[in-house]
């Protein structure tokens, strides 16, 4: 999976939710969207990227990813 593409996708989602005046609500919107619609492999990679320093990510996207629960490990995912 291309991490640059995942970062761009997370930032795009965060930009949409940044219209929300309450930034905690915005971050929760991003977290919920990613938890619901991203493949577990994508979630694992973006979580690892944030843990490695979150280069290129917006503040809202970083806050959302830090609140994201890691998906269970599976050999199928």
Foldseek 3Di string as FASTA:
>chain_A
DDVVVLQVVLQVQLVVLVVDPDLVVSLCSSLVCCQPPPDLVSLVVCLVCLVVPSPPHDPSSSSNSVVHDRDDDDPVD
